[in-house]
Amino acid sequence: MNSKQLGDLSEVMVGLVLKRKEADPDDVQNHKYKLLTLRSFNQEGWIDKNYIDEFESSEKLDDRYLCLSDDVVIRLTQPYTAVVIDKDFEGCVVPSQFAIVRPKSKKIVSNYLSLYLNSDRVKKHITLSATGITVPMIKTGSLRELEIPIFTLPKQNKIADVNKLIIQERHLLYKMISEKEKFYQALTEAILTEGKKDE
C-alpha cells in the first residue's frame, strides 16, 4: 500500500463567501439555490435536510461553489466533519465555512475518503494544524498536504460499504431518539394538563 497527498487526488476548494454574491431583494433576475449550513452537517456524517437554507444569488454560480455527486464536503471548523454528497444534495451552495474535496483521480473512492477524513487520527492532525484562537479553522493547504493511504479499489469499496452501513445505522438511531424525545415531551405535557384538570 502506498499513499498520496489529498491535493494530488482531488481538487480542494473553499466554499463561497456568500456576501460577495448575495442578491438584492429588489432584483428580479435572482438565482435561487439550496444552501448547506453548519447546522445541516450532523457530526455523525450525514446532512440533515431540515437545516438546509435558501440562498438568492445575483448571478449564476460556478460549479466550484456547488455540490456535485461524490464530492466530499468538510467543515473547516470543529468538529471537522466530512460528508459525501449524494444526488439529494447536488446543486446546493457550499459556503466558506466548508471546503469541497472533489476527486480527480479514479484511484480514490469518495466514501472511503470521507471515512478516512472522519477518523480520529486525521481529526487530531487537523486540530493541531488549525489556526485561529476563537474559532480554529483548517487551512486548505493543510488539507491538500494530508497523506491518504491508497488501497486497491476493491478494498476501498469494501471499506466504503462498511462506512455507509455505519452512517445509516447512526442515522436510524438518531431518528429513533428524536421520535422518543417527541413522545416523552407529549407524554409530559399530557400528564401536566391532566394534573391541572384534577386541581
N, C-alpha and C. Protein backbone atom coordinates (compact mmCIF):
# COMPACT_ATOMS: atom_id res chain seq x y z
N MET A 1 0.84 -1.20 0.00
CA MET A 1 0.00 0.00 0.00
C MET A 1 0.87 1.25 0.00
N ASN A 2 0.56 2.19 -0.90
CA ASN A 2 1.27 3.47 -0.89
C ASN A 2 0.32 4.58 -0.44
N SER A 3 0.80 5.79 -0.43
CA SER A 3 -0.07 6.92 -0.06
C SER A 3 0.21 8.09 -0.97
N LYS A 4 -0.78 8.97 -1.04
CA LYS A 4 -0.65 10.19 -1.86
C LYS A 4 -1.24 11.35 -1.10
N GLN A 5 -0.77 12.54 -1.44
CA GLN A 5 -1.36 13.72 -0.81
C GLN A 5 -2.75 13.96 -1.39
N LEU A 6 -3.64 14.46 -0.53
CA LEU A 6 -5.02 14.70 -0.95
C LEU A 6 -5.07 15.64 -2.15
N GLY A 7 -4.17 16.62 -2.19
CA GLY A 7 -4.13 17.57 -3.30
C GLY A 7 -3.78 16.95 -4.64
N ASP A 8 -3.12 15.77 -4.61
CA ASP A 8 -2.81 15.06 -5.86
C ASP A 8 -3.99 14.24 -6.35
N LEU A 9 -4.86 13.89 -5.41
CA LEU A 9 -6.01 13.04 -5.73
C LEU A 9 -7.28 13.83 -6.02
N SER A 10 -7.35 15.05 -5.47
CA SER A 10 -8.60 15.82 -5.51
C SER A 10 -8.32 17.31 -5.67
N GLU A 11 -9.33 18.00 -6.20
CA GLU A 11 -9.32 19.46 -6.09
C GLU A 11 -9.85 19.79 -4.69
N VAL A 12 -9.21 20.72 -4.01
CA VAL A 12 -9.67 21.13 -2.68
C VAL A 12 -9.99 22.62 -2.76
N MET A 13 -11.27 22.97 -2.63
CA MET A 13 -11.71 24.35 -2.87
C MET A 13 -12.53 24.85 -1.69
N VAL A 14 -12.29 26.08 -1.29
CA VAL A 14 -13.10 26.69 -0.23
C VAL A 14 -14.43 27.10 -0.83
N GLY A 15 -15.48 27.03 -0.01
CA GLY A 15 -16.81 27.42 -0.46
C GLY A 15 -16.94 28.92 -0.70
N LEU A 16 -18.13 29.32 -1.01
CA LEU A 16 -18.43 30.70 -1.41
C LEU A 16 -18.58 31.64 -0.22
N VAL A 17 -17.95 32.81 -0.31
CA VAL A 17 -18.23 33.88 0.65
C VAL A 17 -19.57 34.48 0.21
N LEU A 18 -20.63 34.18 0.93
CA LEU A 18 -21.99 34.46 0.48
C LEU A 18 -22.24 35.94 0.19
N LYS A 19 -21.66 36.82 1.00
CA LYS A 19 -21.88 38.27 0.83
C LYS A 19 -21.49 38.75 -0.57
N ARG A 20 -20.49 38.09 -1.16
CA ARG A 20 -20.00 38.53 -2.48
C ARG A 20 -21.01 38.33 -3.60
N LYS A 21 -21.90 37.33 -3.42
CA LYS A 21 -22.85 37.00 -4.49
C LYS A 21 -24.31 37.19 -4.08
N GLU A 22 -24.51 37.68 -2.85
CA GLU A 22 -25.88 37.81 -2.34
C GLU A 22 -26.68 38.80 -3.19
N ALA A 23 -27.88 38.40 -3.57
CA ALA A 23 -28.70 39.22 -4.45
C ALA A 23 -29.39 40.33 -3.69
N ASP A 24 -29.67 41.41 -4.40
CA ASP A 24 -30.50 42.49 -3.86
C ASP A 24 -31.95 42.00 -3.90
N PRO A 25 -32.68 42.12 -2.78
CA PRO A 25 -34.07 41.61 -2.75
C PRO A 25 -34.96 42.18 -3.85
N ASP A 26 -34.62 43.39 -4.35
CA ASP A 26 -35.46 44.02 -5.39
C ASP A 26 -35.13 43.54 -6.80
N ASP A 27 -34.03 42.81 -6.95
CA ASP A 27 -33.59 42.34 -8.27
C ASP A 27 -34.46 41.17 -8.72
N VAL A 28 -35.05 41.30 -9.91
CA VAL A 28 -35.94 40.23 -10.41
C VAL A 28 -35.16 39.09 -11.07
N GLN A 29 -33.87 39.30 -11.33
CA GLN A 29 -33.06 38.29 -12.01
C GLN A 29 -32.31 37.37 -11.04
N ASN A 30 -32.78 37.27 -9.80
CA ASN A 30 -32.09 36.45 -8.80
C ASN A 30 -32.06 34.96 -9.19
N HIS A 31 -31.00 34.29 -8.78
CA HIS A 31 -30.88 32.85 -8.98
C HIS A 31 -31.02 32.18 -7.61
N LYS A 32 -31.98 31.25 -7.47
CA LYS A 32 -32.25 30.63 -6.18
C LYS A 32 -31.54 29.27 -6.07
N TYR A 33 -30.94 29.05 -4.91
CA TYR A 33 -30.23 27.80 -4.63
C TYR A 33 -30.56 27.31 -3.23
N LYS A 34 -30.39 26.01 -3.02
CA LYS A 34 -30.39 25.46 -1.67
C LYS A 34 -28.99 25.72 -1.10
N LEU A 35 -28.92 25.85 0.23
CA LEU A 35 -27.66 26.24 0.87
C LEU A 35 -27.33 25.31 2.05
N LEU A 36 -26.13 24.73 2.03
CA LEU A 36 -25.66 23.97 3.18
C LEU A 36 -25.41 24.94 4.34
N THR A 37 -25.64 24.48 5.56
CA THR A 37 -25.36 25.30 6.74
C THR A 37 -24.59 24.45 7.75
N LEU A 38 -23.99 25.11 8.72
CA LEU A 38 -23.29 24.37 9.77
C LEU A 38 -24.25 23.44 10.51
N ARG A 39 -25.48 23.90 10.72
CA ARG A 39 -26.48 23.07 11.43
C ARG A 39 -26.90 21.85 10.60
N SER A 40 -26.81 21.96 9.28
CA SER A 40 -27.24 20.83 8.44
C SER A 40 -26.22 19.69 8.44
N PHE A 41 -25.03 19.95 8.94
CA PHE A 41 -23.99 18.92 8.98
C PHE A 41 -24.02 18.20 10.32
N ASN A 42 -24.59 17.00 10.34
CA ASN A 42 -24.59 16.21 11.57
C ASN A 42 -23.18 15.65 11.77
N GLN A 43 -22.66 15.74 12.98
CA GLN A 43 -21.28 15.34 13.22
C GLN A 43 -21.05 13.84 13.07
N GLU A 44 -22.15 13.06 12.96
CA GLU A 44 -22.01 11.62 12.74
C GLU A 44 -21.84 11.27 11.26
N GLY A 45 -21.92 12.29 10.37
CA GLY A 45 -21.56 12.02 8.98
C GLY A 45 -22.65 12.08 7.94
N TRP A 46 -23.74 12.81 8.21
CA TRP A 46 -24.76 12.98 7.17
C TRP A 46 -25.29 14.41 7.20
N ILE A 47 -26.08 14.75 6.15
CA ILE A 47 -26.67 16.08 6.05
C ILE A 47 -28.13 15.99 6.49
N ASP A 48 -28.51 16.88 7.39
CA ASP A 48 -29.89 16.94 7.87
C ASP A 48 -30.65 17.95 7.01
N LYS A 49 -31.56 17.43 6.18
CA LYS A 49 -32.27 18.30 5.22
C LYS A 49 -33.15 19.34 5.90
N ASN A 50 -33.47 19.13 7.19
CA ASN A 50 -34.29 20.10 7.92
C ASN A 50 -33.57 21.43 8.13
N TYR A 51 -32.26 21.43 7.98
CA TYR A 51 -31.48 22.65 8.22
C TYR A 51 -30.82 23.19 6.94
N ILE A 52 -31.36 22.78 5.80
CA ILE A 52 -30.90 23.36 4.53
C ILE A 52 -31.62 24.69 4.33
N ASP A 53 -30.87 25.74 4.04
CA ASP A 53 -31.46 27.07 3.83
C ASP A 53 -31.59 27.37 2.34
N GLU A 54 -32.13 28.55 2.05
CA GLU A 54 -32.19 29.03 0.66
C GLU A 54 -31.25 30.21 0.51
N PHE A 55 -30.67 30.32 -0.69
CA PHE A 55 -29.76 31.42 -0.97
C PHE A 55 -30.12 32.00 -2.34
N GLU A 56 -30.25 33.34 -2.38
CA GLU A 56 -30.51 34.01 -3.66
C GLU A 56 -29.25 34.73 -4.10
N SER A 57 -28.78 34.32 -5.27
CA SER A 57 -27.54 34.88 -5.81
C SER A 57 -27.84 35.92 -6.89
N SER A 58 -26.95 36.89 -7.00
CA SER A 58 -27.11 37.93 -8.02
C SER A 58 -26.74 37.41 -9.41
N GLU A 59 -26.10 36.23 -9.45
CA GLU A 59 -25.69 35.66 -10.75
C GLU A 59 -25.67 34.13 -10.66
N LYS A 60 -25.59 33.49 -11.82
CA LYS A 60 -25.48 32.03 -11.85
C LYS A 60 -24.12 31.64 -11.29
N LEU A 61 -24.11 30.71 -10.36
CA LEU A 61 -22.87 30.36 -9.68
C LEU A 61 -22.08 29.28 -10.42
N ASP A 62 -20.78 29.39 -10.33
CA ASP A 62 -19.88 28.41 -10.91
C ASP A 62 -19.99 27.08 -10.14
N ASP A 63 -19.75 25.96 -10.84
CA ASP A 63 -19.81 24.63 -10.21
C ASP A 63 -18.85 24.48 -9.04
N ARG A 64 -17.81 25.30 -9.00
CA ARG A 64 -16.82 25.16 -7.92
C ARG A 64 -17.42 25.52 -6.56
N TYR A 65 -18.59 26.18 -6.57
CA TYR A 65 -19.27 26.53 -5.31
C TYR A 65 -20.49 25.66 -5.03
N LEU A 66 -20.76 24.71 -5.93
CA LEU A 66 -21.95 23.88 -5.78
C LEU A 66 -21.57 22.42 -5.54
N CYS A 67 -22.40 21.73 -4.76
CA CYS A 67 -22.17 20.30 -4.51
C CYS A 67 -22.41 19.50 -5.79
N LEU A 68 -21.49 18.62 -6.10
CA LEU A 68 -21.69 17.64 -7.16
C LEU A 68 -21.70 16.26 -6.51
N SER A 69 -22.40 15.32 -7.12
CA SER A 69 -22.46 13.98 -6.58
C SER A 69 -21.05 13.40 -6.45
N ASP A 70 -20.77 12.78 -5.32
CA ASP A 70 -19.46 12.18 -4.98
C ASP A 70 -18.42 13.19 -4.50
N ASP A 71 -18.78 14.46 -4.41
CA ASP A 71 -17.90 15.40 -3.71
C ASP A 71 -17.86 15.00 -2.24
N VAL A 72 -16.76 15.32 -1.58
CA VAL A 72 -16.70 15.21 -0.12
C VAL A 72 -16.61 16.63 0.40
N VAL A 73 -17.58 17.02 1.23
CA VAL A 73 -17.58 18.38 1.79
C VAL A 73 -17.18 18.26 3.27
N ILE A 74 -16.23 19.09 3.68
CA ILE A 74 -15.72 19.02 5.05
C ILE A 74 -15.86 20.37 5.74
N ARG A 75 -16.31 20.34 6.99
CA ARG A 75 -16.38 21.56 7.81
C ARG A 75 -14.97 22.03 8.10
N LEU A 76 -14.74 23.34 7.96
CA LEU A 76 -13.42 23.90 8.25
C LEU A 76 -13.27 24.26 9.73
N THR A 77 -14.37 24.15 10.49
CA THR A 77 -14.33 24.39 11.94
C THR A 77 -14.76 23.10 12.65
N GLN A 78 -14.44 23.03 13.93
CA GLN A 78 -14.78 21.82 14.68
C GLN A 78 -16.27 21.52 14.60
N PRO A 79 -16.67 20.25 14.47
CA PRO A 79 -15.88 19.03 14.63
C PRO A 79 -15.24 18.50 13.35
N TYR A 80 -15.06 19.35 12.33
CA TYR A 80 -14.35 18.98 11.10
C TYR A 80 -14.95 17.75 10.41
N THR A 81 -16.28 17.66 10.41
CA THR A 81 -16.97 16.50 9.81
C THR A 81 -16.90 16.54 8.29
N ALA A 82 -16.66 15.38 7.70
CA ALA A 82 -16.67 15.23 6.24
C ALA A 82 -17.87 14.39 5.83
N VAL A 83 -18.56 14.81 4.76
CA VAL A 83 -19.76 14.11 4.29
C VAL A 83 -19.67 13.95 2.77
N VAL A 84 -20.07 12.77 2.30
CA VAL A 84 -20.14 12.53 0.85
C VAL A 84 -21.47 13.05 0.34
N ILE A 85 -21.42 13.77 -0.77
CA ILE A 85 -22.65 14.33 -1.36
C ILE A 85 -23.31 13.30 -2.27
N ASP A 86 -24.60 13.08 -2.04
CA ASP A 86 -25.34 12.20 -2.96
C ASP A 86 -26.28 13.06 -3.81
N LYS A 87 -27.09 12.40 -4.64
CA LYS A 87 -27.93 13.13 -5.60
C LYS A 87 -28.93 14.06 -4.94
N ASP A 88 -29.35 13.73 -3.70
CA ASP A 88 -30.33 14.57 -2.99
C ASP A 88 -29.82 15.99 -2.74
N PHE A 89 -28.50 16.15 -2.65
CA PHE A 89 -27.94 17.45 -2.29
C PHE A 89 -27.09 18.06 -3.41
N GLU A 90 -27.18 17.49 -4.59
CA GLU A 90 -26.48 18.08 -5.75
C GLU A 90 -27.01 19.48 -6.00
N GLY A 91 -26.13 20.41 -6.31
CA GLY A 91 -26.56 21.77 -6.64
C GLY A 91 -26.68 22.69 -5.45
N CYS A 92 -26.50 22.17 -4.22
CA CYS A 92 -26.52 23.05 -3.04
C CYS A 92 -25.28 23.93 -3.04
N VAL A 93 -25.46 25.17 -2.60
CA VAL A 93 -24.31 26.08 -2.46
C VAL A 93 -23.52 25.67 -1.22
N VAL A 94 -22.19 25.68 -1.37
CA VAL A 94 -21.30 25.38 -0.25
C VAL A 94 -20.71 26.70 0.23
N PRO A 95 -21.05 27.15 1.45
CA PRO A 95 -20.50 28.42 1.95
C PRO A 95 -19.04 28.27 2.41
N SER A 96 -18.43 29.39 2.73
CA SER A 96 -16.99 29.44 3.01
C SER A 96 -16.58 28.79 4.33
N GLN A 97 -17.55 28.31 5.13
CA GLN A 97 -17.20 27.56 6.35
C GLN A 97 -16.86 26.10 6.04
N PHE A 98 -16.93 25.76 4.73
CA PHE A 98 -16.65 24.39 4.29
C PHE A 98 -15.63 24.40 3.15
N ALA A 99 -15.03 23.23 2.93
CA ALA A 99 -14.20 23.01 1.74
C ALA A 99 -14.82 21.87 0.94
N ILE A 100 -14.74 21.99 -0.37
CA ILE A 100 -15.18 20.91 -1.26
C ILE A 100 -13.93 20.12 -1.67
N VAL A 101 -13.98 18.82 -1.46
CA VAL A 101 -12.91 17.93 -1.91
C VAL A 101 -13.49 17.14 -3.07
N ARG A 102 -13.05 17.47 -4.27
CA ARG A 102 -13.63 16.87 -5.50
C ARG A 102 -12.62 15.92 -6.14
N PRO A 103 -12.81 14.60 -5.98
CA PRO A 103 -11.83 13.65 -6.52
C PRO A 103 -11.60 13.86 -8.02
N LYS A 104 -10.32 13.86 -8.40
CA LYS A 104 -9.99 13.99 -9.82
C LYS A 104 -9.25 12.75 -10.30
N SER A 105 -9.15 11.76 -9.40
CA SER A 105 -8.43 10.53 -9.72
C SER A 105 -9.35 9.34 -9.54
N LYS A 106 -9.25 8.37 -10.41
CA LYS A 106 -10.03 7.13 -10.30
C LYS A 106 -9.47 6.23 -9.19
N LYS A 107 -8.35 6.65 -8.59
CA LYS A 107 -7.71 5.82 -7.57
C LYS A 107 -8.35 5.97 -6.19
N ILE A 108 -9.30 6.91 -6.07
CA ILE A 108 -9.88 7.16 -4.75
C ILE A 108 -11.41 7.07 -4.80
N VAL A 109 -12.00 6.42 -3.81
CA VAL A 109 -13.46 6.27 -3.69
C VAL A 109 -13.94 7.26 -2.63
N SER A 110 -14.95 8.06 -2.98
CA SER A 110 -15.40 9.15 -2.10
C SER A 110 -15.79 8.69 -0.70
N ASN A 111 -16.52 7.57 -0.61
CA ASN A 111 -16.96 7.10 0.71
C ASN A 111 -15.79 6.59 1.55
N TYR A 112 -14.78 6.06 0.89
CA TYR A 112 -13.56 5.66 1.62
C TYR A 112 -12.85 6.92 2.12
N LEU A 113 -12.77 7.92 1.25
CA LEU A 113 -12.09 9.18 1.60
C LEU A 113 -12.76 9.86 2.79
N SER A 114 -14.10 9.90 2.79
CA SER A 114 -14.80 10.55 3.91
C SER A 114 -14.58 9.80 5.22
N LEU A 115 -14.55 8.46 5.15
CA LEU A 115 -14.27 7.66 6.35
C LEU A 115 -12.89 8.00 6.89
N TYR A 116 -11.92 8.12 6.00
CA TYR A 116 -10.55 8.43 6.43
C TYR A 116 -10.48 9.84 7.03
N LEU A 117 -11.15 10.80 6.38
CA LEU A 117 -11.13 12.17 6.89
C LEU A 117 -11.84 12.30 8.24
N ASN A 118 -12.80 11.41 8.50
CA ASN A 118 -13.53 11.43 9.77
C ASN A 118 -12.86 10.60 10.87
N SER A 119 -11.74 9.97 10.55
CA SER A 119 -11.07 9.13 11.55
C SER A 119 -10.44 9.99 12.64
N ASP A 120 -10.32 9.42 13.83
CA ASP A 120 -9.72 10.14 14.97
C ASP A 120 -8.30 10.61 14.64
N ARG A 121 -7.56 9.76 13.93
CA ARG A 121 -6.17 10.09 13.58
C ARG A 121 -6.10 11.38 12.77
N VAL A 122 -6.96 11.48 11.75
CA VAL A 122 -6.93 12.67 10.89
C VAL A 122 -7.47 13.88 11.65
N LYS A 123 -8.51 13.69 12.44
CA LYS A 123 -9.08 14.83 13.19
C LYS A 123 -8.07 15.41 14.18
N LYS A 124 -7.27 14.54 14.80
CA LYS A 124 -6.22 15.03 15.71
C LYS A 124 -5.19 15.84 14.94
N HIS A 125 -4.80 15.32 13.78
CA HIS A 125 -3.83 16.01 12.93
C HIS A 125 -4.36 17.38 12.49
N ILE A 126 -5.63 17.38 12.06
CA ILE A 126 -6.28 18.61 11.61
C ILE A 126 -6.35 19.63 12.75
N THR A 127 -6.72 19.15 13.93
CA THR A 127 -6.83 20.04 15.09
C THR A 127 -5.50 20.74 15.38
N LEU A 128 -4.41 20.00 15.26
CA LEU A 128 -3.08 20.59 15.52
C LEU A 128 -2.70 21.62 14.46
N SER A 129 -3.18 21.42 13.22
CA SER A 129 -2.80 22.34 12.14
C SER A 129 -3.78 23.50 11.96
N ALA A 130 -4.94 23.45 12.69
CA ALA A 130 -5.95 24.52 12.57
C ALA A 130 -5.40 25.82 13.16
N THR A 131 -5.81 26.95 12.57
CA THR A 131 -5.34 28.26 13.03
C THR A 131 -6.51 29.10 13.51
N GLY A 132 -6.24 30.03 14.41
CA GLY A 132 -7.28 30.90 14.96
C GLY A 132 -7.51 30.57 16.42
N ILE A 133 -7.68 31.60 17.24
CA ILE A 133 -7.82 31.40 18.67
C ILE A 133 -9.28 31.16 19.05
N THR A 134 -10.17 32.04 18.60
CA THR A 134 -11.59 31.92 18.96
C THR A 134 -12.25 30.74 18.26
N VAL A 135 -12.11 30.69 16.93
CA VAL A 135 -12.68 29.59 16.14
C VAL A 135 -11.57 29.00 15.27
N PRO A 136 -10.88 27.97 15.75
CA PRO A 136 -9.82 27.37 14.94
C PRO A 136 -10.35 26.82 13.62
N MET A 137 -9.69 27.18 12.52
CA MET A 137 -10.13 26.73 11.19
C MET A 137 -9.00 25.99 10.49
N ILE A 138 -9.40 25.00 9.68
CA ILE A 138 -8.42 24.27 8.88
C ILE A 138 -8.05 25.13 7.68
N LYS A 139 -6.79 25.14 7.32
CA LYS A 139 -6.36 25.78 6.08
C LYS A 139 -6.45 24.74 4.96
N THR A 140 -6.87 25.20 3.78
CA THR A 140 -6.98 24.25 2.66
C THR A 140 -5.61 23.68 2.30
N GLY A 141 -4.56 24.46 2.55
CA GLY A 141 -3.20 23.96 2.29
C GLY A 141 -2.89 22.73 3.14
N SER A 142 -3.35 22.76 4.40
CA SER A 142 -3.15 21.60 5.29
C SER A 142 -3.92 20.39 4.79
N LEU A 143 -5.14 20.63 4.27
CA LEU A 143 -5.93 19.53 3.72
C LEU A 143 -5.23 18.92 2.50
N ARG A 144 -4.74 19.79 1.63
CA ARG A 144 -4.07 19.30 0.41
C ARG A 144 -2.85 18.44 0.73
N GLU A 145 -2.19 18.74 1.85
CA GLU A 145 -0.96 18.02 2.21
C GLU A 145 -1.22 16.73 2.98
N LEU A 146 -2.49 16.47 3.34
CA LEU A 146 -2.81 15.24 4.07
C LEU A 146 -2.41 14.01 3.25
N GLU A 147 -1.74 13.07 3.89
CA GLU A 147 -1.36 11.82 3.23
C GLU A 147 -2.53 10.83 3.33
N ILE A 148 -2.98 10.36 2.18
CA ILE A 148 -4.11 9.42 2.12
C ILE A 148 -3.59 8.04 1.73
N PRO A 149 -3.80 7.02 2.58
CA PRO A 149 -3.40 5.66 2.20
C PRO A 149 -4.23 5.17 1.01
N ILE A 150 -3.55 4.64 0.00
CA ILE A 150 -4.26 4.18 -1.20
C ILE A 150 -4.29 2.66 -1.22
N PHE A 151 -5.47 2.10 -0.94
CA PHE A 151 -5.68 0.66 -1.06
C PHE A 151 -6.15 0.36 -2.49
N THR A 152 -6.26 -0.92 -2.83
CA THR A 152 -6.83 -1.30 -4.12
C THR A 152 -8.29 -0.84 -4.15
N LEU A 153 -8.84 -0.62 -5.34
CA LEU A 153 -10.23 -0.16 -5.45
C LEU A 153 -11.22 -1.15 -4.82
N PRO A 154 -11.06 -2.48 -5.03
CA PRO A 154 -12.00 -3.41 -4.36
C PRO A 154 -11.98 -3.24 -2.83
N LYS A 155 -10.78 -3.04 -2.25
CA LYS A 155 -10.69 -2.88 -0.80
C LYS A 155 -11.32 -1.55 -0.37
N GLN A 156 -11.06 -0.49 -1.15
CA GLN A 156 -11.68 0.81 -0.83
C GLN A 156 -13.20 0.71 -0.87
N ASN A 157 -13.71 -0.03 -1.87
CA ASN A 157 -15.17 -0.17 -1.99
C ASN A 157 -15.76 -0.95 -0.81
N LYS A 158 -15.03 -1.96 -0.33
CA LYS A 158 -15.48 -2.70 0.85
C LYS A 158 -15.52 -1.79 2.07
N ILE A 159 -14.46 -0.99 2.24
CA ILE A 159 -14.40 -0.05 3.36
C ILE A 159 -15.53 0.97 3.25
N ALA A 160 -15.77 1.44 2.00
CA ALA A 160 -16.83 2.42 1.75
C ALA A 160 -18.21 1.86 2.09
N ASP A 161 -18.44 0.57 1.76
CA ASP A 161 -19.72 -0.06 2.06
C ASP A 161 -19.95 -0.14 3.57
N VAL A 162 -18.89 -0.48 4.31
CA VAL A 162 -18.98 -0.52 5.77
C VAL A 162 -19.30 0.87 6.31
N ASN A 163 -18.64 1.88 5.74
CA ASN A 163 -18.87 3.28 6.16
C ASN A 163 -20.32 3.68 5.95
N LYS A 164 -20.89 3.31 4.80
CA LYS A 164 -22.30 3.63 4.51
C LYS A 164 -23.22 2.97 5.53
N LEU A 165 -22.95 1.71 5.87
CA LEU A 165 -23.78 1.00 6.84
C LEU A 165 -23.71 1.64 8.23
N ILE A 166 -22.51 2.04 8.62
CA ILE A 166 -22.32 2.70 9.93
C ILE A 166 -23.15 3.98 9.98
N ILE A 167 -23.07 4.79 8.91
CA ILE A 167 -23.79 6.06 8.87
C ILE A 167 -25.30 5.83 8.88
N GLN A 168 -25.76 4.82 8.10
CA GLN A 168 -27.19 4.51 8.07
C GLN A 168 -27.70 4.10 9.45
N GLU A 169 -26.91 3.27 10.15
CA GLU A 169 -27.32 2.81 11.48
C GLU A 169 -27.36 3.98 12.46
N ARG A 170 -26.34 4.84 12.40
CA ARG A 170 -26.33 6.02 13.28
C ARG A 170 -27.51 6.93 13.00
N HIS A 171 -27.83 7.07 11.71
CA HIS A 171 -28.95 7.92 11.30
C HIS A 171 -30.26 7.38 11.86
N LEU A 172 -30.46 6.06 11.76
CA LEU A 172 -31.67 5.43 12.28
C LEU A 172 -31.78 5.61 13.79
N LEU A 173 -30.65 5.43 14.49
CA LEU A 173 -30.64 5.60 15.94
C LEU A 173 -30.98 7.05 16.32
N TYR A 174 -30.41 7.98 15.55
CA TYR A 174 -30.65 9.41 15.77
C TYR A 174 -32.14 9.73 15.61
N LYS A 175 -32.76 9.18 14.53
CA LYS A 175 -34.18 9.42 14.28
C LYS A 175 -35.04 8.80 15.37
N MET A 176 -34.63 7.59 15.82
CA MET A 176 -35.38 6.91 16.87
C MET A 176 -35.34 7.72 18.17
N ILE A 177 -34.16 8.23 18.51
CA ILE A 177 -34.01 9.04 19.73
C ILE A 177 -34.85 10.32 19.61
N SER A 178 -34.83 10.95 18.43
CA SER A 178 -35.61 12.17 18.21
C SER A 178 -37.11 11.91 18.38
N GLU A 179 -37.58 10.77 17.82
CA GLU A 179 -39.00 10.42 17.94
C GLU A 179 -39.38 10.13 19.40
N LYS A 180 -38.47 9.44 20.11
CA LYS A 180 -38.71 9.14 21.54
C LYS A 180 -38.81 10.44 22.34
N GLU A 181 -37.93 11.40 22.03
CA GLU A 181 -37.94 12.68 22.74
C GLU A 181 -39.27 13.40 22.54
N LYS A 182 -39.77 13.37 21.28
CA LYS A 182 -41.08 13.99 20.99
C LYS A 182 -42.18 13.30 21.79
N PHE A 183 -42.11 11.97 21.84
CA PHE A 183 -43.11 11.20 22.59
C PHE A 183 -43.07 11.56 24.08
N TYR A 184 -41.85 11.61 24.65
CA TYR A 184 -41.71 11.93 26.08
C TYR A 184 -42.23 13.34 26.39
N GLN A 185 -41.96 14.28 25.47
CA GLN A 185 -42.43 15.65 25.68
C GLN A 185 -43.96 15.70 25.64
N ALA A 186 -44.56 14.99 24.67
CA ALA A 186 -46.02 14.95 24.55
C ALA A 186 -46.64 14.28 25.77
N LEU A 187 -46.00 13.21 26.25
CA LEU A 187 -46.49 12.49 27.43
C LEU A 187 -46.43 13.39 28.67
N THR A 188 -45.31 14.09 28.83
CA THR A 188 -45.16 15.00 29.96
C THR A 188 -46.22 16.09 29.93
N GLU A 189 -46.44 16.65 28.73
CA GLU A 189 -47.45 17.70 28.57
C GLU A 189 -48.84 17.18 28.92
N ALA A 190 -49.13 15.96 28.48
CA ALA A 190 -50.45 15.36 28.75
C ALA A 190 -50.64 15.13 30.24
N ILE A 191 -49.58 14.68 30.93
CA ILE A 191 -49.65 14.43 32.39
C ILE A 191 -49.90 15.76 33.13
N LEU A 192 -49.15 16.81 32.72
CA LEU A 192 -49.30 18.11 33.37
C LEU A 192 -50.68 18.71 33.14
N THR A 193 -51.19 18.55 31.91
CA THR A 193 -52.52 19.06 31.57
C THR A 193 -53.59 18.34 32.40
N GLU A 194 -53.44 17.02 32.50
CA GLU A 194 -54.39 16.20 33.27
C GLU A 194 -54.35 16.59 34.75
N GLY A 195 -53.14 16.88 35.24
CA GLY A 195 -52.96 17.27 36.63
C GLY A 195 -53.69 18.58 36.95
N LYS A 196 -53.65 19.50 35.99
CA LYS A 196 -54.33 20.80 36.19
C LYS A 196 -55.84 20.61 36.27
N LYS A 197 -56.37 19.66 35.47
CA LYS A 197 -57.81 19.41 35.47
C LYS A 197 -58.26 18.86 36.83
N ASP A 198 -57.39 18.09 37.45
CA ASP A 198 -57.73 17.46 38.73
C ASP A 198 -57.66 18.40 39.92
N GLU A 199 -57.05 19.58 39.73
CA GLU A 199 -56.87 20.52 40.86
C GLU A 199 -58.23 21.12 41.27
